[in-house]
């Protein structure tokens, strides 16, 4: 089959779509166009697992930070500010 490893060109995809799809059912396959990665084909189970994992991410704000984490954040900002002033 054309391509190297898990990577195929868009031309490979049009000529060998059945083989590439069969491989994508086993593990993710990268499709390149003009030598740049453009697409990834993966089976539905992997896709659903990835979307479930992304749903677990939580967005927080400074208001929702614990006091300890806020103190740590403010200390890091102070160190950064002092370093920036010394560079100038």
C-alpha atoms as a PDB file:
ATOM      1  CA  UNK A   1       0.000   0.000   0.000  1.00  0.00           C
ATOM      2  CA  UNK A   2       1.216   3.524  -0.733  1.00  0.00           C
ATOM      3  CA  UNK A   3       2.157   5.854   2.082  1.00  0.00           C
ATOM      4  CA  UNK A   4       4.509   5.407   4.986  1.00  0.00           C
ATOM      5  CA  UNK A   5       3.354   4.104   8.335  1.00  0.00           C
ATOM      6  CA  UNK A   6       0.046   5.664   9.287  1.00  0.00           C
ATOM      7  CA  UNK A   7       0.274   8.538   6.806  1.00  0.00           C
ATOM      8  CA  UNK A   8      -1.187   8.740   3.314  1.00  0.00           C
ATOM      9  CA  UNK A   9      -1.644  11.456   0.718  1.00  0.00           C
ATOM     10  CA  UNK A  10      -4.974  12.681  -0.602  1.00  0.00           C
ATOM     11  CA  UNK A  11      -4.068  10.908  -3.863  1.00  0.00           C
ATOM     12  CA  UNK A  12      -3.580   7.655  -1.931  1.00  0.00           C
ATOM     13  CA  UNK A  13      -6.998   8.182  -0.373  1.00  0.00           C
ATOM     14  CA  UNK A  14      -8.724   8.448  -3.738  1.00  0.00           C
ATOM     15  CA  UNK A  15      -6.909   5.401  -5.144  1.00  0.00           C
ATOM     16  CA  UNK A  16      -6.860   3.115  -2.097  1.00  0.00           C
ATOM     17  CA  UNK A  17      -9.757   4.362   0.034  1.00  0.00           C
ATOM     18  CA  UNK A  18     -10.920   0.882   1.039  1.00  0.00           C
ATOM     19  CA  UNK A  19      -7.492  -0.156   2.348  1.00  0.00           C
ATOM     20  CA  UNK A  20      -6.976   3.149   4.147  1.00  0.00           C
ATOM     21  CA  UNK A  21     -10.424   2.997   5.761  1.00  0.00           C
ATOM     22  CA  UNK A  22      -9.724  -0.580   6.886  1.00  0.00           C
ATOM     23  CA  UNK A  23      -6.492   0.628   8.487  1.00  0.00           C
ATOM     24  CA  UNK A  24      -8.272   3.604  10.113  1.00  0.00           C
ATOM     25  CA  UNK A  25     -10.653   1.135  11.780  1.00  0.00           C
ATOM     26  CA  UNK A  26      -7.621  -0.286  13.607  1.00  0.00           C
ATOM     27  CA  UNK A  27      -5.759   2.962  14.427  1.00  0.00           C
ATOM     28  CA  UNK A  28      -5.785   6.656  13.441  1.00  0.00           C
ATOM     29  CA  UNK A  29      -4.473   7.452   9.957  1.00  0.00           C
ATOM     30  CA  UNK A  30      -3.110  10.840   8.882  1.00  0.00           C
ATOM     31  CA  UNK A  31      -3.987  12.212   5.437  1.00  0.00           C
ATOM     32  CA  UNK A  32      -1.511  14.698   4.009  1.00  0.00           C
ATOM     33  CA  UNK A  33      -1.911  17.254   1.259  1.00  0.00           C
ATOM     34  CA  UNK A  34       1.156  18.889  -0.273  1.00  0.00           C
ATOM     35  CA  UNK A  35       3.313  17.164   2.361  1.00  0.00           C
ATOM     36  CA  UNK A  36       1.374  18.726   5.265  1.00  0.00           C
ATOM     37  CA  UNK A  37      -0.923  16.803   7.631  1.00  0.00           C
ATOM     38  CA  UNK A  38      -4.502  17.862   6.875  1.00  0.00           C
ATOM     39  CA  UNK A  39      -6.873  15.182   8.210  1.00  0.00           C
ATOM     40  CA  UNK A  40      -7.020  12.279  10.623  1.00  0.00           C
ATOM     41  CA  UNK A  41      -9.283   9.278  10.021  1.00  0.00           C
ATOM     42  CA  UNK A  42     -10.193   7.308  13.119  1.00  0.00           C
ATOM     43  CA  UNK A  43     -12.792   4.788  14.151  1.00  0.00           C
ATOM     44  CA  UNK A  44     -15.998   5.931  15.816  1.00  0.00           C
ATOM     45  CA  UNK A  45     -15.052   4.470  19.217  1.00  0.00           C
ATOM     46  CA  UNK A  46     -11.850   6.538  19.331  1.00  0.00           C
ATOM     47  CA  UNK A  47     -13.754   9.623  18.194  1.00  0.00           C
ATOM     48  CA  UNK A  48     -16.438   9.172  20.862  1.00  0.00           C
ATOM     49  CA  UNK A  49     -13.781   8.586  23.537  1.00  0.00           C
ATOM     50  CA  UNK A  50     -12.031  11.820  22.534  1.00  0.00           C
ATOM     51  CA  UNK A  51     -15.259  13.817  22.583  1.00  0.00           C
ATOM     52  CA  UNK A  52     -16.203  12.384  25.996  1.00  0.00           C
ATOM     53  CA  UNK A  53     -12.774  13.344  27.348  1.00  0.00           C
ATOM     54  CA  UNK A  54     -13.126  16.877  26.031  1.00  0.00           C
ATOM     55  CA  UNK A  55     -16.463  17.184  27.830  1.00  0.00           C
ATOM     56  CA  UNK A  56     -14.645  16.565  31.133  1.00  0.00           C
ATOM     57  CA  UNK A  57     -12.704  19.811  30.843  1.00  0.00           C
ATOM     58  CA  UNK A  58     -13.822  22.522  33.208  1.00  0.00           C
ATOM     59  CA  UNK A  59     -13.508  26.236  32.725  1.00  0.00           C
ATOM     60  CA  UNK A  60     -12.726  28.218  35.821  1.00  0.00           C
ATOM     61  CA  UNK A  61     -12.366  31.865  36.729  1.00  0.00           C
ATOM     62  CA  UNK A  62     -10.317  33.684  39.309  1.00  0.00           C
ATOM     63  CA  UNK A  63     -13.482  33.862  41.409  1.00  0.00           C
ATOM     64  CA  UNK A  64     -13.726  30.052  41.472  1.00  0.00           C
ATOM     65  CA  UNK A  65     -10.032  29.475  42.373  1.00  0.00           C
ATOM     66  CA  UNK A  66      -9.162  28.205  45.803  1.00  0.00           C
ATOM     67  CA  UNK A  67      -7.393  30.753  48.024  1.00  0.00           C
ATOM     68  CA  UNK A  68      -4.167  28.717  47.900  1.00  0.00           C
ATOM     69  CA  UNK A  69      -4.190  28.557  44.108  1.00  0.00           C
ATOM     70  CA  UNK A  70      -5.011  32.280  43.848  1.00  0.00           C
ATOM     71  CA  UNK A  71      -2.083  33.092  46.166  1.00  0.00           C
ATOM     72  CA  UNK A  72       0.218  30.942  44.029  1.00  0.00           C
ATOM     73  CA  UNK A  73      -1.039  32.620  40.845  1.00  0.00           C
ATOM     74  CA  UNK A  74      -0.552  36.129  42.265  1.00  0.00           C
ATOM     75  CA  UNK A  75       2.981  35.248  43.421  1.00  0.00           C
ATOM     76  CA  UNK A  76       3.842  33.984  39.935  1.00  0.00           C
ATOM     77  CA  UNK A  77       2.499  37.207  38.382  1.00  0.00           C
ATOM     78  CA  UNK A  78       4.588  39.267  40.824  1.00  0.00           C
ATOM     79  CA  UNK A  79       7.744  37.314  39.925  1.00  0.00           C
ATOM     80  CA  UNK A  80       7.016  37.778  36.229  1.00  0.00           C
ATOM     81  CA  UNK A  81       6.453  41.523  36.694  1.00  0.00           C
ATOM     82  CA  UNK A  82       9.704  41.937  38.619  1.00  0.00           C
ATOM     83  CA  UNK A  83      11.619  39.993  35.961  1.00  0.00           C
ATOM     84  CA  UNK A  84      10.135  42.145  33.197  1.00  0.00           C
ATOM     85  CA  UNK A  85      11.122  45.346  35.015  1.00  0.00           C
ATOM     86  CA  UNK A  86      14.719  44.124  35.419  1.00  0.00           C
ATOM     87  CA  UNK A  87      14.944  43.315  31.688  1.00  0.00           C
ATOM     88  CA  UNK A  88      13.900  46.845  30.693  1.00  0.00           C
END
